[in-house]
Amino acid sequence: MNILVINGTARKQGRTRIAASYISALYNTGLIDLSEYILPIFNGEAEQFEIERVQQLKQRVKEADAVVLLSPEYHSGMSGALKNAIDFLSNEQFKYKPVALLAVAGGGKGGINALTNMRTVMRGVYANVIPKQLVLDPVHIDYDNAAVTEEMEVSIKELMEELKMFAKAGNPGI
């Protein structure tokens, strides 16, 4: 099964990047890391769609059987980097595609608004966002090992199992 993880932060040392890299390595998925995969600011002009990185992004998402989106919560929404990347995409890449959402929050009150924001935007591109979603607080990140805690690993496993179930239901041949 071809699953693509998208790290939705531009921060090279952030918790979101740790979580995305960890999930991608643990589940042997593709990874688009927006801290390294630099895209121009979307303006909707035709010449932007000729940029090689934009074409690669569109192709990788289209070829994926399922997508995992991770974003920090900034001002009660997803990161600008992730929203910008999604703006280059459309229902051509996402229609009926299962998508899992994870928000990486600062702790206390964060995360849920970013999840709601991501869910709303993904509905706009006709993605099939799965019911299970996660918020990762700082206590869920194992900084020393660039991993997540055992407790969060169990939650991520449940999320990935649900994502795979939706992908298989939509495409029994995988």
Protein backbone atom coordinates (compact mmCIF):
# COMPACT_ATOMS: atom_id res chain seq x y z
CA MET A 1 0.00 0.00 0.00
CA ASN A 2 1.37 3.39 -1.03
CA ILE A 3 0.93 5.81 1.90
CA LEU A 4 2.35 9.33 1.76
CA VAL A 5 3.14 11.33 4.91
CA ILE A 6 3.29 15.11 4.56
CA ASN A 7 5.19 17.04 7.22
CA GLY A 8 3.30 20.32 7.23
CA THR A 9 5.81 22.53 8.99
CA ALA A 10 8.64 24.63 7.60
CA ARG A 11 10.58 24.23 10.88
CA LYS A 12 13.62 22.00 10.53
CA GLN A 13 13.82 21.18 14.26
CA GLY A 14 10.11 21.07 15.13
CA ARG A 15 8.04 18.40 16.83
CA THR A 16 5.90 18.03 13.71
CA ARG A 17 8.95 17.04 11.70
CA ILE A 18 10.00 14.53 14.36
CA ALA A 19 6.54 12.94 14.36
CA ALA A 20 6.22 12.88 10.55
CA SER A 21 9.67 11.37 10.06
CA TYR A 22 9.02 8.81 12.78
CA ILE A 23 5.67 7.73 11.28
CA SER A 24 7.16 7.55 7.79
CA ALA A 25 10.08 5.40 8.95
CA LEU A 26 7.96 3.14 11.18
CA TYR A 27 5.40 2.44 8.45
CA ASN A 28 7.82 2.58 5.50
CA THR A 29 5.91 5.30 3.68
CA GLY A 30 6.79 8.09 1.33
CA LEU A 31 7.49 11.46 2.95
CA ILE A 32 7.17 15.00 1.75
CA ASP A 33 8.91 17.22 4.28
CA LEU A 34 7.85 20.84 3.77
CA SER A 35 10.86 22.02 5.80
CA GLU A 36 12.99 20.83 2.85
CA TYR A 37 10.48 20.57 -0.01
CA ILE A 38 10.24 24.30 -0.65
CA LEU A 39 7.33 25.53 -2.75
CA PRO A 40 6.63 29.07 -3.95
CA ILE A 41 3.73 30.94 -2.41
CA PHE A 42 0.66 29.85 -4.36
CA ASN A 43 -0.79 32.58 -6.56
CA GLY A 44 -2.91 30.53 -8.96
CA GLU A 45 -1.03 31.63 -12.06
CA ALA A 46 -0.56 29.00 -14.76
CA GLU A 47 3.25 29.12 -14.82
CA GLN A 48 3.40 27.89 -11.23
CA PHE A 49 1.97 24.56 -12.31
CA GLU A 50 4.97 24.08 -14.64
CA ILE A 51 7.43 24.15 -11.71
CA GLU A 52 9.02 20.71 -11.31
CA ARG A 53 8.45 20.55 -7.53
CA VAL A 54 4.78 21.38 -7.97
CA GLN A 55 4.40 18.68 -10.62
CA GLN A 56 6.19 16.17 -8.36
CA LEU A 57 3.94 17.07 -5.42
CA LYS A 58 0.82 16.58 -7.51
CA GLN A 59 2.06 13.26 -8.90
CA ARG A 60 3.11 11.84 -5.53
CA VAL A 61 -0.20 12.71 -3.90
CA LYS A 62 -2.17 11.37 -6.86
CA GLU A 63 -0.27 8.05 -6.81
CA ALA A 64 -0.73 7.56 -3.06
CA ASP A 65 -3.43 5.19 -1.84
CA ALA A 66 -3.73 7.25 1.35
CA VAL A 67 -2.21 10.40 2.86
CA VAL A 68 -1.23 11.39 6.39
CA LEU A 69 -1.14 15.14 7.05
CA LEU A 70 0.67 16.57 10.07
CA SER A 71 0.63 20.22 11.04
CA PRO A 72 1.48 22.36 14.01
CA GLU A 73 -1.32 24.60 15.20
CA TYR A 74 -0.60 28.24 14.46
CA HIS A 75 -3.18 30.82 15.55
CA SER A 76 -5.96 28.22 15.68
CA GLY A 77 -5.26 26.77 12.24
CA MET A 78 -2.91 24.60 10.22
CA SER A 79 0.49 25.92 9.21
CA GLY A 80 0.81 28.25 6.25
CA ALA A 81 3.31 25.82 4.71
CA LEU A 82 0.75 22.99 4.65
CA LYS A 83 -2.10 25.19 3.42
CA ASN A 84 0.17 26.54 0.67
CA ALA A 85 1.06 22.99 -0.44
CA ILE A 86 -2.60 21.94 -0.47
CA ASP A 87 -3.44 25.03 -2.56
CA PHE A 88 -1.35 23.52 -5.38
CA LEU A 89 -3.49 20.38 -5.23
CA SER A 90 -7.13 19.67 -6.07
CA ASN A 91 -9.76 16.96 -6.24
CA GLU A 92 -7.71 15.50 -9.10
CA GLN A 93 -5.25 14.28 -6.47
CA PHE A 94 -7.55 13.83 -3.46
CA LYS A 95 -11.01 12.77 -4.65
CA TYR A 96 -12.20 9.97 -2.31
CA LYS A 97 -8.63 9.42 -1.07
CA PRO A 98 -8.40 8.45 2.62
CA VAL A 99 -6.56 11.08 4.66
CA ALA A 100 -5.46 10.93 8.30
CA LEU A 101 -4.92 14.12 10.31
CA LEU A 102 -2.51 14.83 13.15
CA ALA A 103 -1.98 18.17 14.85
CA VAL A 104 1.16 18.84 16.83
CA ALA A 105 0.29 21.31 19.56
CA GLY A 106 2.10 23.30 22.20
CA GLY A 107 0.11 21.70 24.97
CA GLY A 108 -2.87 22.78 27.00
CA LYS A 109 -5.41 24.13 24.55
CA GLY A 110 -3.94 23.49 21.13
CA GLY A 111 -4.51 21.14 18.28
CA ILE A 112 -8.23 20.75 17.79
CA ASN A 113 -8.61 23.94 15.75
CA ALA A 114 -5.82 22.88 13.38
CA LEU A 115 -7.55 19.51 12.94
CA THR A 116 -10.86 21.23 12.20
CA ASN A 117 -9.14 23.57 9.75
CA MET A 118 -7.40 20.68 7.96
CA ARG A 119 -10.66 18.69 7.84
CA THR A 120 -12.49 21.67 6.30
CA VAL A 121 -9.82 22.25 3.65
CA MET A 122 -9.60 18.56 2.77
CA ARG A 123 -13.37 18.44 2.34
CA GLY A 124 -12.86 21.21 -0.25
CA VAL A 125 -10.71 18.86 -2.35
CA TYR A 126 -13.12 15.92 -1.88
CA ALA A 127 -10.76 13.89 0.31
CA ASN A 128 -12.17 11.16 2.56
CA VAL A 129 -10.82 12.27 5.94
CA ILE A 130 -11.00 9.34 8.34
CA PRO A 131 -12.84 9.78 11.66
CA LYS A 132 -9.86 9.11 13.94
CA GLN A 133 -7.55 12.09 14.41
CA LEU A 134 -4.76 12.85 16.88
CA VAL A 135 -3.23 15.74 18.77
CA LEU A 136 0.39 15.30 19.80
CA ASP A 137 1.43 17.51 22.72
CA PRO A 138 5.08 18.07 23.74
CA VAL A 139 4.81 15.23 26.29
CA HIS A 140 4.20 12.80 23.41
CA ILE A 141 7.54 13.53 21.72
CA ASP A 142 10.73 11.67 22.62
CA TYR A 143 13.27 14.31 21.63
CA ASP A 144 16.35 12.21 22.52
CA ASN A 145 15.37 9.44 20.12
CA ALA A 146 13.51 11.54 17.50
CA ALA A 147 10.42 9.44 18.18
CA VAL A 148 7.08 9.48 19.96
CA THR A 149 6.25 8.01 23.36
CA GLU A 150 5.02 4.44 23.64
CA GLU A 151 1.54 5.69 24.52
CA MET A 152 1.38 7.83 21.38
CA GLU A 153 2.83 5.01 19.28
CA VAL A 154 -0.23 2.91 20.21
CA SER A 155 -2.55 5.76 19.16
CA ILE A 156 -0.67 6.25 15.90
CA LYS A 157 -0.91 2.49 15.21
CA GLU A 158 -4.70 2.67 15.63
CA LEU A 159 -4.84 5.70 13.32
CA MET A 160 -2.76 3.96 10.66
CA GLU A 161 -4.88 0.79 10.89
CA GLU A 162 -8.02 2.85 10.33
CA LEU A 163 -6.39 4.69 7.42
CA LYS A 164 -5.41 1.37 5.79
CA MET A 165 -8.91 0.00 6.33
CA PHE A 166 -10.42 2.99 4.49
CA ALA A 167 -7.85 2.68 1.71
CA LYS A 168 -8.64 -1.02 1.21
CA ALA A 169 -12.39 -0.38 1.31
CA GLY A 170 -12.02 2.22 -1.45
CA ASN A 171 -9.65 0.10 -3.52
CA PRO A 172 -9.96 -3.63 -2.76
CA GLY A 173 -7.09 -4.43 -5.12
CA ILE A 174 -4.40 -2.97 -2.82
